[in-house]
Amino acid sequence: MIPIPEEENSETKFPIVLCHNDAQENNLLMHHGDNRSILVIDYEYAGWNPMAMDIANYVNECMLENAYPYKNGINWYVDNILEPEEVDSLSKAYLENYFKKYATESVKQRYSGDSKEFI
C-alpha cells in the first residue's frame, strides 16, 4: 500500500491508496510450495481509491468466474458469496494489519495506539 501523505487526507479515517482494482482469482497467484507467498499481477485497472476498495472488490469477485467458457465469458456463482462472518473476519484482519503497518503516528495517537478502537 502506498498511502497519500496525511496532510492531503487528514480528515478521513480510511486513506486513499494505490489499489489494484481487479482482485480476482486469475490475478492473485499463490506459490505451490508455500501458500503464504502470493504474487499479484495485471495492474491495468490500478488507481487511487479508498483503502478498502481492493477488499470490497475481492469479496465481490468470490462469486465471479472469469474463465467461464460460454456466452459472455463470465458466470456468477451465488453459492460462493462469503458469509457475513467471513467478510467481518477478513475486513477486521485487513484493517488491523493496515493500522499496525501503515497508519501514521498521528493516526495511531487518535486511536490511543489501539487497533481495536480503529476497527
PDB file of N, CA and C in Angstrom:
ATOM      1  N   MET A   1       0.821  -1.173   0.000  1.00  0.00           N
ATOM      2  CA  MET A   1       0.000   0.000   0.000  1.00  0.00           C
ATOM      3  C   MET A   1       0.867   1.239   0.000  1.00  0.00           C
ATOM      4  N   ILE A   2       0.522   2.229  -0.808  1.00  0.00           N
ATOM      5  CA  ILE A   2       1.243   3.490  -0.834  1.00  0.00           C
ATOM      6  C   ILE A   2       0.256   4.582  -0.441  1.00  0.00           C
ATOM      7  N   PRO A   3       0.241   4.980   0.832  1.00  0.00           N
ATOM      8  CA  PRO A   3      -0.735   5.986   1.248  1.00  0.00           C
ATOM      9  C   PRO A   3      -0.393   7.372   0.730  1.00  0.00           C
ATOM     10  N   ILE A   4      -1.428   8.153   0.433  1.00  0.00           N
ATOM     11  CA  ILE A   4      -1.243   9.562   0.105  1.00  0.00           C
ATOM     12  C   ILE A   4      -0.799  10.257   1.385  1.00  0.00           C
ATOM     13  N   PRO A   5       0.087  11.236   1.314  1.00  0.00           N
ATOM     14  CA  PRO A   5       0.526  11.918   2.534  1.00  0.00           C
ATOM     15  C   PRO A   5      -0.645  12.398   3.374  1.00  0.00           C
ATOM     16  N   GLU A   6      -0.501  12.262   4.671  1.00  0.00           N
ATOM     17  CA  GLU A   6      -1.593  12.545   5.603  1.00  0.00           C
ATOM     18  C   GLU A   6      -2.151  13.954   5.462  1.00  0.00           C
ATOM     19  N   GLU A   7      -1.294  14.957   5.192  1.00  0.00           N
ATOM     20  CA  GLU A   7      -1.795  16.326   5.113  1.00  0.00           C
ATOM     21  C   GLU A   7      -2.825  16.502   4.000  1.00  0.00           C
ATOM     22  N   GLU A   8      -2.785  15.667   2.988  1.00  0.00           N
ATOM     23  CA  GLU A   8      -3.763  15.732   1.912  1.00  0.00           C
ATOM     24  C   GLU A   8      -5.044  14.985   2.265  1.00  0.00           C
ATOM     25  N   ASN A   9      -5.039  14.305   3.400  1.00  0.00           N
ATOM     26  CA  ASN A   9      -6.088  13.351   3.677  1.00  0.00           C
ATOM     27  C   ASN A   9      -6.397  13.266   5.177  1.00  0.00           C
ATOM     28  N   SER A  10      -6.131  14.315   5.925  1.00  0.00           N
ATOM     29  CA  SER A  10      -6.125  14.227   7.379  1.00  0.00           C
ATOM     30  C   SER A  10      -7.497  14.017   8.008  1.00  0.00           C
ATOM     31  N   GLU A  11      -8.568  14.307   7.323  1.00  0.00           N
ATOM     32  CA  GLU A  11      -9.892  14.183   7.928  1.00  0.00           C
ATOM     33  C   GLU A  11     -10.522  12.818   7.739  1.00  0.00           C
ATOM     34  N   THR A  12      -9.935  11.966   6.944  1.00  0.00           N
ATOM     35  CA  THR A  12     -10.552  10.667   6.671  1.00  0.00           C
ATOM     36  C   THR A  12      -9.963   9.571   7.531  1.00  0.00           C
ATOM     37  N   LYS A  13     -10.808   8.662   7.969  1.00  0.00           N
ATOM     38  CA  LYS A  13     -10.348   7.509   8.726  1.00  0.00           C
ATOM     39  C   LYS A  13      -9.676   6.498   7.799  1.00  0.00           C
ATOM     40  N   PHE A  14     -10.162   6.390   6.579  1.00  0.00           N
ATOM     41  CA  PHE A  14      -9.635   5.438   5.621  1.00  0.00           C
ATOM     42  C   PHE A  14      -8.978   6.195   4.472  1.00  0.00           C
ATOM     43  N   PRO A  15      -7.662   6.166   4.403  1.00  0.00           N
ATOM     44  CA  PRO A  15      -6.950   6.960   3.403  1.00  0.00           C
ATOM     45  C   PRO A  15      -7.121   6.453   1.983  1.00  0.00           C
ATOM     46  N   ILE A  16      -6.791   7.321   1.057  1.00  0.00           N
ATOM     47  CA  ILE A  16      -6.753   6.980  -0.356  1.00  0.00           C
ATOM     48  C   ILE A  16      -5.397   6.341  -0.622  1.00  0.00           C
ATOM     49  N   VAL A  17      -5.409   5.173  -1.247  1.00  0.00           N
ATOM     50  CA  VAL A  17      -4.179   4.438  -1.528  1.00  0.00           C
ATOM     51  C   VAL A  17      -4.209   3.923  -2.967  1.00  0.00           C
ATOM     52  N   LEU A  18      -3.062   3.461  -3.427  1.00  0.00           N
ATOM     53  CA  LEU A  18      -2.982   2.841  -4.744  1.00  0.00           C
ATOM     54  C   LEU A  18      -3.585   1.443  -4.652  1.00  0.00           C
ATOM     55  N   CYS A  19      -4.662   1.196  -5.386  1.00  0.00           N
ATOM     56  CA  CYS A  19      -5.374  -0.088  -5.346  1.00  0.00           C
ATOM     57  C   CYS A  19      -5.196  -0.836  -6.667  1.00  0.00           C
ATOM     58  N   HIS A  20      -5.303  -2.128  -6.600  1.00  0.00           N
ATOM     59  CA  HIS A  20      -5.201  -2.995  -7.774  1.00  0.00           C
ATOM     60  C   HIS A  20      -6.471  -2.904  -8.619  1.00  0.00           C
ATOM     61  N   ASN A  21      -7.635  -2.925  -7.979  1.00  0.00           N
ATOM     62  CA  ASN A  21      -8.957  -2.791  -8.606  1.00  0.00           C
ATOM     63  C   ASN A  21      -9.398  -3.964  -9.475  1.00  0.00           C
ATOM     64  N   ASP A  22      -8.722  -5.083  -9.376  1.00  0.00           N
ATOM     65  CA  ASP A  22      -9.131  -6.278 -10.130  1.00  0.00           C
ATOM     66  C   ASP A  22      -8.687  -7.524  -9.369  1.00  0.00           C
ATOM     67  N   ALA A  23      -9.064  -7.581  -8.094  1.00  0.00           N
ATOM     68  CA  ALA A  23      -8.615  -8.666  -7.200  1.00  0.00           C
ATOM     69  C   ALA A  23      -9.452  -9.915  -7.436  1.00  0.00           C
ATOM     70  N   GLN A  24      -9.171 -10.597  -8.515  1.00  0.00           N
ATOM     71  CA  GLN A  24      -9.882 -11.842  -8.813  1.00  0.00           C
ATOM     72  C   GLN A  24      -8.874 -12.973  -8.930  1.00  0.00           C
ATOM     73  N   GLU A  25      -9.369 -14.185  -8.940  1.00  0.00           N
ATOM     74  CA  GLU A  25      -8.508 -15.366  -8.789  1.00  0.00           C
ATOM     75  C   GLU A  25      -7.410 -15.488  -9.836  1.00  0.00           C
ATOM     76  N   ASN A  26      -7.590 -14.968 -11.004  1.00  0.00           N
ATOM     77  CA  ASN A  26      -6.557 -15.080 -12.037  1.00  0.00           C
ATOM     78  C   ASN A  26      -5.425 -14.069 -11.841  1.00  0.00           C
ATOM     79  N   ASN A  27      -5.605 -13.107 -10.956  1.00  0.00           N
ATOM     80  CA  ASN A  27      -4.591 -12.079 -10.727  1.00  0.00           C
ATOM     81  C   ASN A  27      -3.879 -12.215  -9.388  1.00  0.00           C
ATOM     82  N   LEU A  28      -4.296 -13.181  -8.579  1.00  0.00           N
ATOM     83  CA  LEU A  28      -3.659 -13.455  -7.294  1.00  0.00           C
ATOM     84  C   LEU A  28      -3.068 -14.857  -7.372  1.00  0.00           C
ATOM     85  N   LEU A  29      -1.773 -14.934  -7.532  1.00  0.00           N
ATOM     86  CA  LEU A  29      -1.114 -16.221  -7.760  1.00  0.00           C
ATOM     87  C   LEU A  29      -0.382 -16.654  -6.497  1.00  0.00           C
ATOM     88  N   MET A  30      -0.637 -17.881  -6.071  1.00  0.00           N
ATOM     89  CA  MET A  30      -0.030 -18.430  -4.873  1.00  0.00           C
ATOM     90  C   MET A  30       1.071 -19.411  -5.264  1.00  0.00           C
ATOM     91  N   HIS A  31       2.182 -19.362  -4.557  1.00  0.00           N
ATOM     92  CA  HIS A  31       3.288 -20.286  -4.796  1.00  0.00           C
ATOM     93  C   HIS A  31       2.850 -21.696  -4.392  1.00  0.00           C
ATOM     94  N   HIS A  32       3.065 -22.659  -5.244  1.00  0.00           N
ATOM     95  CA  HIS A  32       2.642 -24.035  -4.987  1.00  0.00           C
ATOM     96  C   HIS A  32       3.269 -24.618  -3.724  1.00  0.00           C
ATOM     97  N   GLY A  33       4.515 -24.295  -3.453  1.00  0.00           N
ATOM     98  CA  GLY A  33       5.210 -24.855  -2.302  1.00  0.00           C
ATOM     99  C   GLY A  33       5.002 -24.087  -1.010  1.00  0.00           C
ATOM    100  N   ASP A  34       4.506 -22.837  -1.094  1.00  0.00           N
ATOM    101  CA  ASP A  34       4.334 -22.013   0.103  1.00  0.00           C
ATOM    102  C   ASP A  34       3.128 -21.108  -0.102  1.00  0.00           C
ATOM    103  N   ASN A  35       1.977 -21.468   0.483  1.00  0.00           N
ATOM    104  CA  ASN A  35       0.757 -20.707   0.236  1.00  0.00           C
ATOM    105  C   ASN A  35       0.766 -19.332   0.904  1.00  0.00           C
ATOM    106  N   ARG A  36       1.847 -18.985   1.607  1.00  0.00           N
ATOM    107  CA  ARG A  36       1.979 -17.640   2.171  1.00  0.00           C
ATOM    108  C   ARG A  36       2.642 -16.698   1.183  1.00  0.00           C
ATOM    109  N   SER A  37       3.166 -17.228   0.101  1.00  0.00           N
ATOM    110  CA  SER A  37       3.843 -16.438  -0.913  1.00  0.00           C
ATOM    111  C   SER A  37       2.865 -16.164  -2.062  1.00  0.00           C
ATOM    112  N   ILE A  38       2.477 -14.915  -2.217  1.00  0.00           N
ATOM    113  CA  ILE A  38       1.480 -14.544  -3.229  1.00  0.00           C
ATOM    114  C   ILE A  38       2.066 -13.508  -4.181  1.00  0.00           C
ATOM    115  N   LEU A  39       1.796 -13.680  -5.453  1.00  0.00           N
ATOM    116  CA  LEU A  39       2.211 -12.744  -6.480  1.00  0.00           C
ATOM    117  C   LEU A  39       0.952 -12.108  -7.060  1.00  0.00           C
ATOM    118  N   VAL A  40       0.914 -10.797  -7.110  1.00  0.00           N
ATOM    119  CA  VAL A  40      -0.220 -10.081  -7.674  1.00  0.00           C
ATOM    120  C   VAL A  40       0.199  -9.569  -9.050  1.00  0.00           C
ATOM    121  N   ILE A  41      -0.621  -9.863 -10.068  1.00  0.00           N
ATOM    122  CA  ILE A  41      -0.312  -9.455 -11.442  1.00  0.00           C
ATOM    123  C   ILE A  41      -1.474  -8.642 -12.025  1.00  0.00           C
ATOM    124  N   ASP A  42      -1.273  -8.094 -13.226  1.00  0.00           N
ATOM    125  CA  ASP A  42      -2.307  -7.434 -14.018  1.00  0.00           C
ATOM    126  C   ASP A  42      -2.809  -6.146 -13.354  1.00  0.00           C
ATOM    127  N   TYR A  43      -2.022  -5.121 -13.461  1.00  0.00           N
ATOM    128  CA  TYR A  43      -2.329  -3.834 -12.825  1.00  0.00           C
ATOM    129  C   TYR A  43      -3.006  -2.841 -13.770  1.00  0.00           C
ATOM    130  N   GLU A  44      -3.632  -3.297 -14.848  1.00  0.00           N
ATOM    131  CA  GLU A  44      -4.195  -2.360 -15.820  1.00  0.00           C
ATOM    132  C   GLU A  44      -5.314  -1.484 -15.261  1.00  0.00           C
ATOM    133  N   TYR A  45      -6.011  -1.928 -14.199  1.00  0.00           N
ATOM    134  CA  TYR A  45      -7.089  -1.137 -13.604  1.00  0.00           C
ATOM    135  C   TYR A  45      -6.637  -0.403 -12.341  1.00  0.00           C
ATOM    136  N   ALA A  46      -5.357  -0.455 -12.004  1.00  0.00           N
ATOM    137  CA  ALA A  46      -4.860   0.162 -10.776  1.00  0.00           C
ATOM    138  C   ALA A  46      -5.173   1.660 -10.760  1.00  0.00           C
ATOM    139  N   GLY A  47      -5.425   2.161  -9.567  1.00  0.00           N
ATOM    140  CA  GLY A  47      -5.707   3.588  -9.407  1.00  0.00           C
ATOM    141  C   GLY A  47      -5.862   3.938  -7.938  1.00  0.00           C
ATOM    142  N   TRP A  48      -6.045   5.221  -7.668  1.00  0.00           N
ATOM    143  CA  TRP A  48      -6.182   5.721  -6.302  1.00  0.00           C
ATOM    144  C   TRP A  48      -7.629   5.607  -5.847  1.00  0.00           C
ATOM    145  N   ASN A  49      -7.827   4.883  -4.749  1.00  0.00           N
ATOM    146  CA  ASN A  49      -9.169   4.661  -4.194  1.00  0.00           C
ATOM    147  C   ASN A  49      -9.081   4.598  -2.671  1.00  0.00           C
ATOM    148  N   PRO A  50     -10.232   4.620  -2.002  1.00  0.00           N
ATOM    149  CA  PRO A  50     -10.209   4.363  -0.558  1.00  0.00           C
ATOM    150  C   PRO A  50      -9.574   2.997  -0.312  1.00  0.00           C
ATOM    151  N   MET A  51      -8.844   2.869   0.788  1.00  0.00           N
ATOM    152  CA  MET A  51      -8.047   1.667   1.015  1.00  0.00           C
ATOM    153  C   MET A  51      -8.857   0.381   1.042  1.00  0.00           C
ATOM    154  N   ALA A  52     -10.135   0.451   1.272  1.00  0.00           N
ATOM    155  CA  ALA A  52     -10.961  -0.754   1.338  1.00  0.00           C
ATOM    156  C   ALA A  52     -11.436  -1.230  -0.043  1.00  0.00           C
ATOM    157  N   MET A  53     -11.099  -0.510  -1.089  1.00  0.00           N
ATOM    158  CA  MET A  53     -11.592  -0.869  -2.428  1.00  0.00           C
ATOM    159  C   MET A  53     -11.181  -2.279  -2.835  1.00  0.00           C
ATOM    160  N   ASP A  54      -9.926  -2.644  -2.639  1.00  0.00           N
ATOM    161  CA  ASP A  54      -9.481  -3.975  -3.058  1.00  0.00           C
ATOM    162  C   ASP A  54     -10.149  -5.081  -2.259  1.00  0.00           C
ATOM    163  N   ILE A  55     -10.369  -4.850  -0.975  1.00  0.00           N
ATOM    164  CA  ILE A  55     -11.029  -5.895  -0.182  1.00  0.00           C
ATOM    165  C   ILE A  55     -12.490  -6.029  -0.613  1.00  0.00           C
ATOM    166  N   ALA A  56     -13.143  -4.912  -0.910  1.00  0.00           N
ATOM    167  CA  ALA A  56     -14.531  -4.960  -1.385  1.00  0.00           C
ATOM    168  C   ALA A  56     -14.603  -5.660  -2.740  1.00  0.00           C
ATOM    169  N   ASN A  57     -13.647  -5.358  -3.610  1.00  0.00           N
ATOM    170  CA  ASN A  57     -13.602  -5.996  -4.918  1.00  0.00           C
ATOM    171  C   ASN A  57     -13.373  -7.496  -4.790  1.00  0.00           C
ATOM    172  N   TYR A  58     -12.481  -7.888  -3.888  1.00  0.00           N
ATOM    173  CA  TYR A  58     -12.204  -9.309  -3.671  1.00  0.00           C
ATOM    174  C   TYR A  58     -13.453 -10.047  -3.190  1.00  0.00           C
ATOM    175  N   VAL A  59     -14.169  -9.458  -2.236  1.00  0.00           N
ATOM    176  CA  VAL A  59     -15.395 -10.080  -1.720  1.00  0.00           C
ATOM    177  C   VAL A  59     -16.395 -10.269  -2.859  1.00  0.00           C
ATOM    178  N   ASN A  60     -16.527  -9.273  -3.714  1.00  0.00           N
ATOM    179  CA  ASN A  60     -17.429  -9.353  -4.861  1.00  0.00           C
ATOM    180  C   ASN A  60     -16.975 -10.424  -5.859  1.00  0.00           C
ATOM    181  N   GLU A  61     -15.674 -10.487  -6.108  1.00  0.00           N
ATOM    182  CA  GLU A  61     -15.147 -11.415  -7.110  1.00  0.00           C
ATOM    183  C   GLU A  61     -15.198 -12.872  -6.661  1.00  0.00           C
ATOM    184  N   CYS A  62     -15.444 -13.144  -5.381  1.00  0.00           N
ATOM    185  CA  CYS A  62     -15.521 -14.528  -4.898  1.00  0.00           C
ATOM    186  C   CYS A  62     -16.605 -15.329  -5.601  1.00  0.00           C
ATOM    187  N   MET A  63     -17.611 -14.649  -6.113  1.00  0.00           N
ATOM    188  CA  MET A  63     -18.698 -15.384  -6.754  1.00  0.00           C
ATOM    189  C   MET A  63     -18.658 -15.290  -8.279  1.00  0.00           C
ATOM    190  N   LEU A  64     -17.591 -14.689  -8.819  1.00  0.00           N
ATOM    191  CA  LEU A  64     -17.484 -14.498 -10.260  1.00  0.00           C
ATOM    192  C   LEU A  64     -16.422 -15.422 -10.837  1.00  0.00           C
ATOM    193  N   GLU A  65     -16.752 -16.120 -11.899  1.00  0.00           N
ATOM    194  CA  GLU A  65     -15.790 -16.973 -12.594  1.00  0.00           C
ATOM    195  C   GLU A  65     -15.410 -16.269 -13.890  1.00  0.00           C
ATOM    196  N   ASN A  66     -14.191 -15.756 -13.957  1.00  0.00           N
ATOM    197  CA  ASN A  66     -13.731 -15.014 -15.131  1.00  0.00           C
ATOM    198  C   ASN A  66     -13.316 -15.905 -16.284  1.00  0.00           C
ATOM    199  N   ALA A  67     -13.122 -17.174 -16.031  1.00  0.00           N
ATOM    200  CA  ALA A  67     -12.677 -18.084 -17.078  1.00  0.00           C
ATOM    201  C   ALA A  67     -13.828 -18.937 -17.620  1.00  0.00           C
ATOM    202  N   TYR A  68     -15.058 -18.533 -17.359  1.00  0.00           N
ATOM    203  CA  TYR A  68     -16.225 -19.283 -17.833  1.00  0.00           C
ATOM    204  C   TYR A  68     -16.217 -19.320 -19.364  1.00  0.00           C
ATOM    205  N   PRO A  69     -16.227 -20.504 -19.989  1.00  0.00           N
ATOM    206  CA  PRO A  69     -16.012 -20.597 -21.431  1.00  0.00           C
ATOM    207  C   PRO A  69     -17.245 -20.330 -22.308  1.00  0.00           C
ATOM    208  N   TYR A  70     -18.385 -20.004 -21.728  1.00  0.00           N
ATOM    209  CA  TYR A  70     -19.595 -19.842 -22.522  1.00  0.00           C
ATOM    210  C   TYR A  70     -20.112 -18.412 -22.482  1.00  0.00           C
ATOM    211  N   LYS A  71     -20.969 -18.092 -23.407  1.00  0.00           N
ATOM    212  CA  LYS A  71     -21.651 -16.798 -23.505  1.00  0.00           C
ATOM    213  C   LYS A  71     -20.675 -15.645 -23.391  1.00  0.00           C
ATOM    214  N   ASN A  72     -20.841 -14.804 -22.364  1.00  0.00           N
ATOM    215  CA  ASN A  72     -20.029 -13.596 -22.274  1.00  0.00           C
ATOM    216  C   ASN A  72     -18.695 -13.808 -21.580  1.00  0.00           C
ATOM    217  N   GLY A  73     -18.334 -15.038 -21.264  1.00  0.00           N
ATOM    218  CA  GLY A  73     -17.047 -15.334 -20.662  1.00  0.00           C
ATOM    219  C   GLY A  73     -17.003 -15.260 -19.152  1.00  0.00           C
ATOM    220  N   ILE A  74     -18.112 -14.909 -18.526  1.00  0.00           N
ATOM    221  CA  ILE A  74     -18.153 -14.915 -17.065  1.00  0.00           C
ATOM    222  C   ILE A  74     -19.396 -15.649 -16.590  1.00  0.00           C
ATOM    223  N   ASN A  75     -19.350 -16.106 -15.380  1.00  0.00           N
ATOM    224  CA  ASN A  75     -20.508 -16.739 -14.773  1.00  0.00           C
ATOM    225  C   ASN A  75     -20.515 -16.398 -13.289  1.00  0.00           C
ATOM    226  N   TRP A  76     -21.687 -16.195 -12.742  1.00  0.00           N
ATOM    227  CA  TRP A  76     -21.825 -15.867 -11.327  1.00  0.00           C
ATOM    228  C   TRP A  76     -22.220 -17.117 -10.550  1.00  0.00           C
ATOM    229  N   TYR A  77     -21.551 -17.366  -9.440  1.00  0.00           N
ATOM    230  CA  TYR A  77     -21.846 -18.487  -8.563  1.00  0.00           C
ATOM    231  C   TYR A  77     -22.271 -17.926  -7.208  1.00  0.00           C
ATOM    232  N   VAL A  78     -23.558 -17.702  -7.053  1.00  0.00           N
ATOM    233  CA  VAL A  78     -24.085 -17.079  -5.848  1.00  0.00           C
ATOM    234  C   VAL A  78     -23.776 -17.906  -4.599  1.00  0.00           C
ATOM    235  N   ASP A  79     -23.635 -19.210  -4.759  1.00  0.00           N
ATOM    236  CA  ASP A  79     -23.289 -20.074  -3.613  1.00  0.00           C
ATOM    237  C   ASP A  79     -21.896 -19.770  -3.054  1.00  0.00           C
ATOM    238  N   ASN A  80     -21.062 -19.101  -3.835  1.00  0.00           N
ATOM    239  CA  ASN A  80     -19.707 -18.771  -3.386  1.00  0.00           C
ATOM    240  C   ASN A  80     -19.630 -17.453  -2.610  1.00  0.00           C
ATOM    241  N   ILE A  81     -20.735 -16.760  -2.449  1.00  0.00           N
ATOM    242  CA  ILE A  81     -20.711 -15.499  -1.709  1.00  0.00           C
ATOM    243  C   ILE A  81     -20.194 -15.764  -0.301  1.00  0.00           C
ATOM    244  N   LEU A  82     -19.290 -14.901   0.152  1.00  0.00           N
ATOM    245  CA  LEU A  82     -18.756 -15.063   1.506  1.00  0.00           C
ATOM    246  C   LEU A  82     -19.857 -14.855   2.533  1.00  0.00           C
ATOM    247  N   GLU A  83     -19.808 -15.646   3.579  1.00  0.00           N
ATOM    248  CA  GLU A  83     -20.750 -15.483   4.696  1.00  0.00           C
ATOM    249  C   GLU A  83     -20.415 -14.182   5.423  1.00  0.00           C
ATOM    250  N   PRO A  84     -21.417 -13.545   6.065  1.00  0.00           N
ATOM    251  CA  PRO A  84     -21.137 -12.299   6.796  1.00  0.00           C
ATOM    252  C   PRO A  84     -19.985 -12.429   7.791  1.00  0.00           C
ATOM    253  N   GLU A  85     -19.871 -13.569   8.442  1.00  0.00           N
ATOM    254  CA  GLU A  85     -18.779 -13.777   9.399  1.00  0.00           C
ATOM    255  C   GLU A  85     -17.419 -13.782   8.698  1.00  0.00           C
ATOM    256  N   GLU A  86     -17.368 -14.342   7.472  1.00  0.00           N
ATOM    257  CA  GLU A  86     -16.120 -14.361   6.709  1.00  0.00           C
ATOM    258  C   GLU A  86     -15.722 -12.950   6.279  1.00  0.00           C
ATOM    259  N   VAL A  87     -16.697 -12.180   5.822  1.00  0.00           N
ATOM    260  CA  VAL A  87     -16.428 -10.793   5.429  1.00  0.00           C
ATOM    261  C   VAL A  87     -15.951  -9.998   6.638  1.00  0.00           C
ATOM    262  N   ASP A  88     -16.608 -10.184   7.774  1.00  0.00           N
ATOM    263  CA  ASP A  88     -16.242  -9.485   9.001  1.00  0.00           C
ATOM    264  C   ASP A  88     -14.819  -9.839   9.419  1.00  0.00           C
ATOM    265  N   SER A  89     -14.489 -11.110   9.432  1.00  0.00           N
ATOM    266  CA  SER A  89     -13.157 -11.558   9.836  1.00  0.00           C
ATOM    267  C   SER A  89     -12.083 -11.033   8.882  1.00  0.00           C
ATOM    268  N   LEU A  90     -12.331 -11.120   7.585  1.00  0.00           N
ATOM    269  CA  LEU A  90     -11.390 -10.642   6.574  1.00  0.00           C
ATOM    270  C   LEU A  90     -11.184  -9.134   6.702  1.00  0.00           C
ATOM    271  N   SER A  91     -12.262  -8.396   6.878  1.00  0.00           N
ATOM    272  CA  SER A  91     -12.188  -6.939   6.996  1.00  0.00           C
ATOM    273  C   SER A  91     -11.428  -6.514   8.243  1.00  0.00           C
ATOM    274  N   LYS A  92     -11.711  -7.164   9.357  1.00  0.00           N
ATOM    275  CA  LYS A  92     -11.011  -6.829  10.604  1.00  0.00           C
ATOM    276  C   LYS A  92      -9.516  -7.123  10.492  1.00  0.00           C
ATOM    277  N   ALA A  93      -9.163  -8.247   9.911  1.00  0.00           N
ATOM    278  CA  ALA A  93      -7.746  -8.590   9.748  1.00  0.00           C
ATOM    279  C   ALA A  93      -7.058  -7.571   8.839  1.00  0.00           C
ATOM    280  N   TYR A  94      -7.726  -7.168   7.783  1.00  0.00           N
ATOM    281  CA  TYR A  94      -7.187  -6.183   6.847  1.00  0.00           C
ATOM    282  C   TYR A  94      -6.942  -4.852   7.561  1.00  0.00           C
ATOM    283  N   LEU A  95      -7.941  -4.382   8.300  1.00  0.00           N
ATOM    284  CA  LEU A  95      -7.825  -3.094   8.985  1.00  0.00           C
ATOM    285  C   LEU A  95      -6.781  -3.129  10.099  1.00  0.00           C
ATOM    286  N   GLU A  96      -6.711  -4.231  10.822  1.00  0.00           N
ATOM    287  CA  GLU A  96      -5.725  -4.341  11.892  1.00  0.00           C
ATOM    288  C   GLU A  96      -4.317  -4.331  11.306  1.00  0.00           C
ATOM    289  N   ASN A  97      -4.116  -5.049  10.217  1.00  0.00           N
ATOM    290  CA  ASN A  97      -2.823  -5.063   9.552  1.00  0.00           C
ATOM    291  C   ASN A  97      -2.461  -3.674   9.043  1.00  0.00           C
ATOM    292  N   TYR A  98      -3.426  -2.989   8.445  1.00  0.00           N
ATOM    293  CA  TYR A  98      -3.175  -1.612   7.977  1.00  0.00           C
ATOM    294  C   TYR A  98      -2.750  -0.730   9.149  1.00  0.00           C
ATOM    295  N   PHE A  99      -3.498  -0.774  10.228  1.00  0.00           N
ATOM    296  CA  PHE A  99      -3.226   0.074  11.383  1.00  0.00           C
ATOM    297  C   PHE A  99      -1.822  -0.174  11.922  1.00  0.00           C
ATOM    298  N   LYS A 100      -1.458  -1.436  12.072  1.00  0.00           N
ATOM    299  CA  LYS A 100      -0.152  -1.776  12.649  1.00  0.00           C
ATOM    300  C   LYS A 100       1.015  -1.417  11.728  1.00  0.00           C
ATOM    301  N   LYS A 101       0.846  -1.622  10.412  1.00  0.00           N
ATOM    302  CA  LYS A 101       1.967  -1.449   9.490  1.00  0.00           C
ATOM    303  C   LYS A 101       2.031  -0.085   8.808  1.00  0.00           C
ATOM    304  N   TYR A 102       0.886   0.537   8.548  1.00  0.00           N
ATOM    305  CA  TYR A 102       0.905   1.710   7.678  1.00  0.00           C
ATOM    306  C   TYR A 102       0.333   2.991   8.269  1.00  0.00           C
ATOM    307  N   ALA A 103      -0.448   2.907   9.315  1.00  0.00           N
ATOM    308  CA  ALA A 103      -1.032   4.120   9.888  1.00  0.00           C
ATOM    309  C   ALA A 103       0.082   5.017  10.425  1.00  0.00           C
ATOM    310  N   THR A 104      -0.065   6.317  10.193  1.00  0.00           N
ATOM    311  CA  THR A 104       0.925   7.259  10.701  1.00  0.00           C
ATOM    312  C   THR A 104       0.804   7.361  12.220  1.00  0.00           C
ATOM    313  N   GLU A 105       1.836   7.893  12.842  1.00  0.00           N
ATOM    314  CA  GLU A 105       1.821   8.032  14.302  1.00  0.00           C
ATOM    315  C   GLU A 105       0.673   8.917  14.771  1.00  0.00           C
ATOM    316  N   SER A 106       0.356   9.965  14.015  1.00  0.00           N
ATOM    317  CA  SER A 106      -0.756  10.831  14.444  1.00  0.00           C
ATOM    318  C   SER A 106      -2.096  10.101  14.377  1.00  0.00           C
ATOM    319  N   VAL A 107      -2.265   9.234  13.396  1.00  0.00           N
ATOM    320  CA  VAL A 107      -3.490   8.428  13.328  1.00  0.00           C
ATOM    321  C   VAL A 107      -3.523   7.449  14.494  1.00  0.00           C
ATOM    322  N   LYS A 108      -2.407   6.799  14.769  1.00  0.00           N
ATOM    323  CA  LYS A 108      -2.354   5.865  15.897  1.00  0.00           C
ATOM    324  C   LYS A 108      -2.661   6.574  17.214  1.00  0.00           C
ATOM    325  N   GLN A 109      -2.163   7.803  17.365  1.00  0.00           N
ATOM    326  CA  GLN A 109      -2.431   8.563  18.591  1.00  0.00           C
ATOM    327  C   GLN A 109      -3.921   8.879  18.729  1.00  0.00           C
ATOM    328  N   ARG A 110      -4.590   9.184  17.607  1.00  0.00           N
ATOM    329  CA  ARG A 110      -6.037   9.460  17.659  1.00  0.00           C
ATOM    330  C   ARG A 110      -6.819   8.282  18.203  1.00  0.00           C
ATOM    331  N   TYR A 111      -6.298   7.086  18.015  1.00  0.00           N
ATOM    332  CA  TYR A 111      -6.966   5.864  18.475  1.00  0.00           C
ATOM    333  C   TYR A 111      -6.222   5.240  19.643  1.00  0.00           C
ATOM    334  N   SER A 112      -5.457   6.048  20.356  1.00  0.00           N
ATOM    335  CA  SER A 112      -4.709   5.620  21.550  1.00  0.00           C
ATOM    336  C   SER A 112      -3.821   4.410  21.262  1.00  0.00           C
ATOM    337  N   GLY A 113      -3.360   4.276  20.026  1.00  0.00           N
ATOM    338  CA  GLY A 113      -2.494   3.158  19.664  1.00  0.00           C
ATOM    339  C   GLY A 113      -3.200   1.810  19.657  1.00  0.00           C
ATOM    340  N   ASP A 114      -4.523   1.832  19.717  1.00  0.00           N
ATOM    341  CA  ASP A 114      -5.306   0.603  19.821  1.00  0.00           C
ATOM    342  C   ASP A 114      -5.973   0.285  18.481  1.00  0.00           C
ATOM    343  N   SER A 115      -5.513  -0.776  17.824  1.00  0.00           N
ATOM    344  CA  SER A 115      -6.098  -1.147  16.536  1.00  0.00           C
ATOM    345  C   SER A 115      -7.560  -1.545  16.670  1.00  0.00           C
ATOM    346  N   LYS A 116      -7.950  -2.086  17.804  1.00  0.00           N
ATOM    347  CA  LYS A 116      -9.349  -2.488  18.004  1.00  0.00           C
ATOM    348  C   LYS A 116     -10.271  -1.259  18.002  1.00  0.00           C
ATOM    349  N   GLU A 117      -9.792  -0.145  18.560  1.00  0.00           N
ATOM    350  CA  GLU A 117     -10.578   1.090  18.550  1.00  0.00           C
ATOM    351  C   GLU A 117     -10.688   1.651  17.137  1.00  0.00           C
ATOM    352  N   PHE A 118      -9.614   1.512  16.354  1.00  0.00           N
ATOM    353  CA  PHE A 118      -9.582   1.955  14.965  1.00  0.00           C
ATOM    354  C   PHE A 118     -10.589   1.181  14.126  1.00  0.00           C
ATOM    355  N   ILE A 119     -10.662  -0.132  14.376  1.00  0.00           N
ATOM    356  CA  ILE A 119     -11.536  -1.013  13.617  1.00  0.00           C
ATOM    357  C   ILE A 119     -12.965  -0.753  14.001  1.00  0.00           C
TER     358      ILE A 119
END
